Amino acid sequence: MKTVSISVTEAARNFAEYVNRTRYQGSTFVLLKNGKAVARIIPEIPKIKKGKELAAALREALKNAHLTSNEAKAWLYDLEESRRGDRPPGARWPS
């Protein structure tokens, strides 16, 4: 990821350009006021999927997956094993 320092004045004059470069090129801009860093324009981090969103994303991915019978069984086994380790919030850890 590219990081570039620019003045606040420059950022104000060309704000849309810097937002577009952040979005499409992944650039980060450090805004300087009197030569000192005061803010950053950074790319948004993608939202982490949880629960129903994750299940929907997996369902969609599997529609396009071409797994052999053995691969599908192995994937299901791995999924079930990972669920065994999940505990609801507030659950006590095993000692």
N, C-alpha and C. Protein backbone atom coordinates (compact mmCIF):
# COMPACT_ATOMS: atom_id res chain seq x y z
N MET A 1 0.86 -1.18 0.00
CA MET A 1 0.00 0.00 0.00
C MET A 1 0.90 1.23 0.00
N LYS A 2 0.59 2.17 -0.84
CA LYS A 2 1.38 3.38 -0.99
C LYS A 2 0.90 4.46 -0.02
N THR A 3 1.86 5.09 0.71
CA THR A 3 1.53 6.19 1.62
C THR A 3 2.21 7.45 1.13
N VAL A 4 1.42 8.52 1.01
CA VAL A 4 1.92 9.80 0.51
C VAL A 4 1.52 10.90 1.49
N SER A 5 2.45 11.79 1.79
CA SER A 5 2.15 12.94 2.65
C SER A 5 1.76 14.13 1.78
N ILE A 6 0.66 14.79 2.15
CA ILE A 6 0.18 15.98 1.42
C ILE A 6 -0.27 17.01 2.44
N SER A 7 -0.28 18.27 2.02
CA SER A 7 -0.75 19.33 2.91
C SER A 7 -2.28 19.29 2.98
N VAL A 8 -2.80 19.82 4.07
CA VAL A 8 -4.25 19.92 4.22
C VAL A 8 -4.83 20.77 3.09
N THR A 9 -4.12 21.82 2.70
CA THR A 9 -4.57 22.68 1.61
C THR A 9 -4.68 21.89 0.31
N GLU A 10 -3.66 21.09 0.01
CA GLU A 10 -3.68 20.26 -1.20
C GLU A 10 -4.83 19.27 -1.16
N ALA A 11 -5.06 18.66 0.00
CA ALA A 11 -6.16 17.71 0.16
C ALA A 11 -7.51 18.39 -0.08
N ALA A 12 -7.66 19.60 0.43
CA ALA A 12 -8.92 20.32 0.25
C ALA A 12 -9.16 20.68 -1.21
N ARG A 13 -8.11 21.06 -1.92
CA ARG A 13 -8.25 21.46 -3.32
C ARG A 13 -8.57 20.27 -4.23
N ASN A 14 -8.09 19.09 -3.87
CA ASN A 14 -8.25 17.92 -4.74
C ASN A 14 -8.81 16.72 -3.98
N PHE A 15 -9.76 16.98 -3.10
CA PHE A 15 -10.27 15.95 -2.21
C PHE A 15 -10.82 14.74 -2.97
N ALA A 16 -11.63 14.96 -3.99
CA ALA A 16 -12.23 13.84 -4.74
C ALA A 16 -11.14 12.96 -5.36
N GLU A 17 -10.09 13.57 -5.86
CA GLU A 17 -9.00 12.80 -6.46
C GLU A 17 -8.36 11.88 -5.41
N TYR A 18 -8.10 12.39 -4.21
CA TYR A 18 -7.47 11.59 -3.17
C TYR A 18 -8.39 10.48 -2.66
N VAL A 19 -9.67 10.77 -2.58
CA VAL A 19 -10.63 9.73 -2.19
C VAL A 19 -10.64 8.63 -3.26
N ASN A 20 -10.67 9.00 -4.53
CA ASN A 20 -10.67 8.00 -5.60
C ASN A 20 -9.38 7.18 -5.60
N ARG A 21 -8.25 7.82 -5.40
CA ARG A 21 -6.98 7.09 -5.36
C ARG A 21 -6.94 6.14 -4.17
N THR A 22 -7.55 6.54 -3.06
CA THR A 22 -7.62 5.67 -1.89
C THR A 22 -8.50 4.46 -2.20
N ARG A 23 -9.64 4.70 -2.81
CA ARG A 23 -10.58 3.62 -3.09
C ARG A 23 -10.06 2.66 -4.15
N TYR A 24 -9.59 3.19 -5.27
CA TYR A 24 -9.26 2.33 -6.41
C TYR A 24 -7.80 1.87 -6.45
N GLN A 25 -6.90 2.59 -5.82
CA GLN A 25 -5.49 2.21 -5.85
C GLN A 25 -4.98 1.74 -4.49
N GLY A 26 -5.81 1.90 -3.45
CA GLY A 26 -5.40 1.49 -2.11
C GLY A 26 -4.38 2.41 -1.47
N SER A 27 -4.24 3.64 -1.99
CA SER A 27 -3.27 4.60 -1.45
C SER A 27 -3.74 5.14 -0.10
N THR A 28 -2.77 5.50 0.73
CA THR A 28 -3.03 6.17 2.00
C THR A 28 -2.38 7.54 1.95
N PHE A 29 -3.09 8.54 2.43
CA PHE A 29 -2.57 9.91 2.44
C PHE A 29 -2.49 10.42 3.87
N VAL A 30 -1.33 10.95 4.22
CA VAL A 30 -1.13 11.58 5.52
C VAL A 30 -1.29 13.07 5.30
N LEU A 31 -2.21 13.70 6.02
CA LEU A 31 -2.46 15.13 5.87
C LEU A 31 -1.59 15.91 6.85
N LEU A 32 -0.87 16.88 6.29
CA LEU A 32 0.06 17.68 7.09
C LEU A 32 -0.47 19.10 7.28
N LYS A 33 -0.38 19.59 8.49
CA LYS A 33 -0.74 20.98 8.83
C LYS A 33 0.51 21.59 9.46
N ASN A 34 1.07 22.60 8.82
CA ASN A 34 2.33 23.20 9.28
C ASN A 34 3.43 22.15 9.41
N GLY A 35 3.43 21.21 8.48
CA GLY A 35 4.48 20.18 8.45
C GLY A 35 4.30 19.03 9.42
N LYS A 36 3.20 19.02 10.19
CA LYS A 36 2.96 17.95 11.15
C LYS A 36 1.73 17.14 10.75
N ALA A 37 1.84 15.82 10.89
CA ALA A 37 0.72 14.93 10.55
C ALA A 37 -0.46 15.18 11.49
N VAL A 38 -1.64 15.38 10.88
CA VAL A 38 -2.85 15.62 11.69
C VAL A 38 -3.97 14.63 11.39
N ALA A 39 -3.91 13.97 10.23
CA ALA A 39 -4.98 13.03 9.86
C ALA A 39 -4.50 12.14 8.73
N ARG A 40 -5.31 11.11 8.44
CA ARG A 40 -5.02 10.20 7.34
C ARG A 40 -6.29 9.92 6.55
N ILE A 41 -6.11 9.69 5.27
CA ILE A 41 -7.18 9.16 4.43
C ILE A 41 -6.70 7.75 4.09
N ILE A 42 -7.45 6.76 4.56
CA ILE A 42 -7.03 5.37 4.37
C ILE A 42 -8.16 4.54 3.76
N PRO A 43 -7.82 3.43 3.07
CA PRO A 43 -8.86 2.57 2.51
C PRO A 43 -9.70 1.95 3.63
N GLU A 44 -10.97 1.77 3.37
CA GLU A 44 -11.88 1.12 4.31
C GLU A 44 -11.55 -0.36 4.35
N ILE A 45 -11.53 -0.92 5.55
CA ILE A 45 -11.29 -2.35 5.73
C ILE A 45 -12.62 -3.08 5.51
N PRO A 46 -12.61 -4.15 4.69
CA PRO A 46 -13.86 -4.87 4.46
C PRO A 46 -14.45 -5.41 5.76
N LYS A 47 -15.77 -5.39 5.84
CA LYS A 47 -16.47 -5.86 7.02
C LYS A 47 -16.28 -7.38 7.17
N ILE A 48 -16.03 -7.81 8.38
CA ILE A 48 -15.88 -9.24 8.66
C ILE A 48 -17.27 -9.83 8.78
N LYS A 49 -17.50 -10.92 8.07
CA LYS A 49 -18.81 -11.57 8.10
C LYS A 49 -18.93 -12.47 9.33
N LYS A 50 -20.13 -12.48 9.91
CA LYS A 50 -20.39 -13.31 11.07
C LYS A 50 -21.73 -14.00 10.90
N GLY A 51 -21.89 -15.10 11.55
CA GLY A 51 -23.17 -15.79 11.62
C GLY A 51 -23.87 -16.01 10.30
N LYS A 52 -25.07 -15.43 10.17
CA LYS A 52 -25.89 -15.63 8.97
C LYS A 52 -25.20 -15.12 7.71
N GLU A 53 -24.45 -14.01 7.82
CA GLU A 53 -23.74 -13.48 6.65
C GLU A 53 -22.68 -14.46 6.17
N LEU A 54 -21.97 -15.07 7.12
CA LEU A 54 -20.94 -16.04 6.76
C LEU A 54 -21.58 -17.27 6.12
N ALA A 55 -22.67 -17.75 6.70
CA ALA A 55 -23.37 -18.92 6.15
C ALA A 55 -23.84 -18.63 4.73
N ALA A 56 -24.38 -17.44 4.49
CA ALA A 56 -24.85 -17.08 3.15
C ALA A 56 -23.68 -17.00 2.17
N ALA A 57 -22.55 -16.45 2.61
CA ALA A 57 -21.38 -16.36 1.74
C ALA A 57 -20.84 -17.75 1.41
N LEU A 58 -20.81 -18.64 2.39
CA LEU A 58 -20.36 -20.01 2.14
C LEU A 58 -21.31 -20.74 1.19
N ARG A 59 -22.61 -20.56 1.40
CA ARG A 59 -23.61 -21.19 0.52
C ARG A 59 -23.39 -20.75 -0.93
N GLU A 60 -23.17 -19.45 -1.11
CA GLU A 60 -22.96 -18.90 -2.45
C GLU A 60 -21.66 -19.44 -3.05
N ALA A 61 -20.61 -19.51 -2.25
CA ALA A 61 -19.32 -20.02 -2.75
C ALA A 61 -19.43 -21.49 -3.14
N LEU A 62 -20.20 -22.25 -2.37
CA LEU A 62 -20.32 -23.68 -2.66
C LEU A 62 -21.15 -23.96 -3.91
N LYS A 63 -22.03 -23.02 -4.26
CA LYS A 63 -22.81 -23.20 -5.50
C LYS A 63 -21.88 -23.29 -6.70
N ASN A 64 -20.79 -22.54 -6.66
CA ASN A 64 -19.87 -22.49 -7.78
C ASN A 64 -18.67 -23.42 -7.61
N ALA A 65 -18.60 -24.11 -6.47
CA ALA A 65 -17.47 -25.01 -6.22
C ALA A 65 -17.70 -26.35 -6.90
N HIS A 66 -16.65 -26.93 -7.37
CA HIS A 66 -16.72 -28.24 -8.00
C HIS A 66 -15.86 -29.20 -7.18
N LEU A 67 -16.47 -29.75 -6.12
CA LEU A 67 -15.75 -30.62 -5.22
C LEU A 67 -16.04 -32.08 -5.54
N THR A 68 -15.02 -32.90 -5.40
CA THR A 68 -15.25 -34.34 -5.52
C THR A 68 -15.97 -34.79 -4.26
N SER A 69 -16.47 -36.00 -4.27
CA SER A 69 -17.16 -36.53 -3.10
C SER A 69 -16.24 -36.54 -1.88
N ASN A 70 -14.99 -36.94 -2.07
CA ASN A 70 -14.04 -36.96 -0.94
C ASN A 70 -13.74 -35.56 -0.44
N GLU A 71 -13.59 -34.59 -1.35
CA GLU A 71 -13.33 -33.21 -0.95
C GLU A 71 -14.51 -32.65 -0.16
N ALA A 72 -15.73 -32.94 -0.62
CA ALA A 72 -16.93 -32.46 0.07
C ALA A 72 -17.02 -33.05 1.47
N LYS A 73 -16.72 -34.35 1.61
CA LYS A 73 -16.74 -35.00 2.93
C LYS A 73 -15.68 -34.39 3.85
N ALA A 74 -14.49 -34.15 3.31
CA ALA A 74 -13.41 -33.55 4.10
C ALA A 74 -13.78 -32.15 4.54
N TRP A 75 -14.40 -31.37 3.65
CA TRP A 75 -14.82 -30.01 3.98
C TRP A 75 -15.86 -30.04 5.09
N LEU A 76 -16.85 -30.95 4.98
CA LEU A 76 -17.89 -31.06 6.00
C LEU A 76 -17.29 -31.47 7.33
N TYR A 77 -16.35 -32.41 7.31
CA TYR A 77 -15.68 -32.84 8.54
C TYR A 77 -14.97 -31.66 9.20
N ASP A 78 -14.21 -30.90 8.39
CA ASP A 78 -13.50 -29.73 8.94
C ASP A 78 -14.46 -28.71 9.54
N LEU A 79 -15.58 -28.48 8.87
CA LEU A 79 -16.59 -27.53 9.36
C LEU A 79 -17.14 -28.01 10.70
N GLU A 80 -17.50 -29.29 10.78
CA GLU A 80 -18.05 -29.83 12.03
C GLU A 80 -17.02 -29.77 13.16
N GLU A 81 -15.77 -30.05 12.85
CA GLU A 81 -14.72 -29.98 13.87
C GLU A 81 -14.55 -28.55 14.38
N SER A 82 -14.61 -27.58 13.47
CA SER A 82 -14.45 -26.18 13.90
C SER A 82 -15.62 -25.75 14.76
N ARG A 83 -16.82 -26.25 14.47
CA ARG A 83 -17.99 -25.89 15.28
C ARG A 83 -17.91 -26.48 16.68
N ARG A 84 -17.28 -27.64 16.83
CA ARG A 84 -17.15 -28.25 18.15
C ARG A 84 -16.34 -27.34 19.08
N GLY A 85 -15.40 -26.60 18.51
CA GLY A 85 -14.56 -25.71 19.32
C GLY A 85 -15.20 -24.38 19.63
N ASP A 86 -16.26 -24.03 18.91
CA ASP A 86 -16.93 -22.74 19.15
C ASP A 86 -17.72 -22.78 20.43
N ARG A 87 -17.66 -21.69 21.15
CA ARG A 87 -18.43 -21.55 22.37
C ARG A 87 -19.14 -20.20 22.34
N PRO A 88 -20.36 -20.14 22.86
CA PRO A 88 -21.07 -18.87 22.88
C PRO A 88 -20.36 -17.87 23.78
N PRO A 89 -20.58 -16.55 23.55
CA PRO A 89 -19.97 -15.54 24.42
C PRO A 89 -20.34 -15.81 25.88
N GLY A 90 -19.36 -15.63 26.74
CA GLY A 90 -19.60 -15.84 28.17
C GLY A 90 -19.38 -17.28 28.62
N ALA A 91 -19.20 -18.20 27.67
CA ALA A 91 -18.97 -19.59 28.06
C ALA A 91 -17.60 -19.72 28.70
N ARG A 92 -17.49 -20.60 29.65
CA ARG A 92 -16.22 -20.81 30.33
C ARG A 92 -15.30 -21.62 29.43
N TRP A 93 -14.03 -21.28 29.46
CA TRP A 93 -13.04 -22.04 28.70
C TRP A 93 -12.79 -23.36 29.41
N PRO A 94 -12.51 -24.42 28.64
CA PRO A 94 -12.17 -25.68 29.30
C PRO A 94 -10.88 -25.53 30.10
N SER A 95 -10.81 -26.19 31.23
CA SER A 95 -9.60 -26.05 32.06
C SER A 95 -8.57 -27.10 31.72
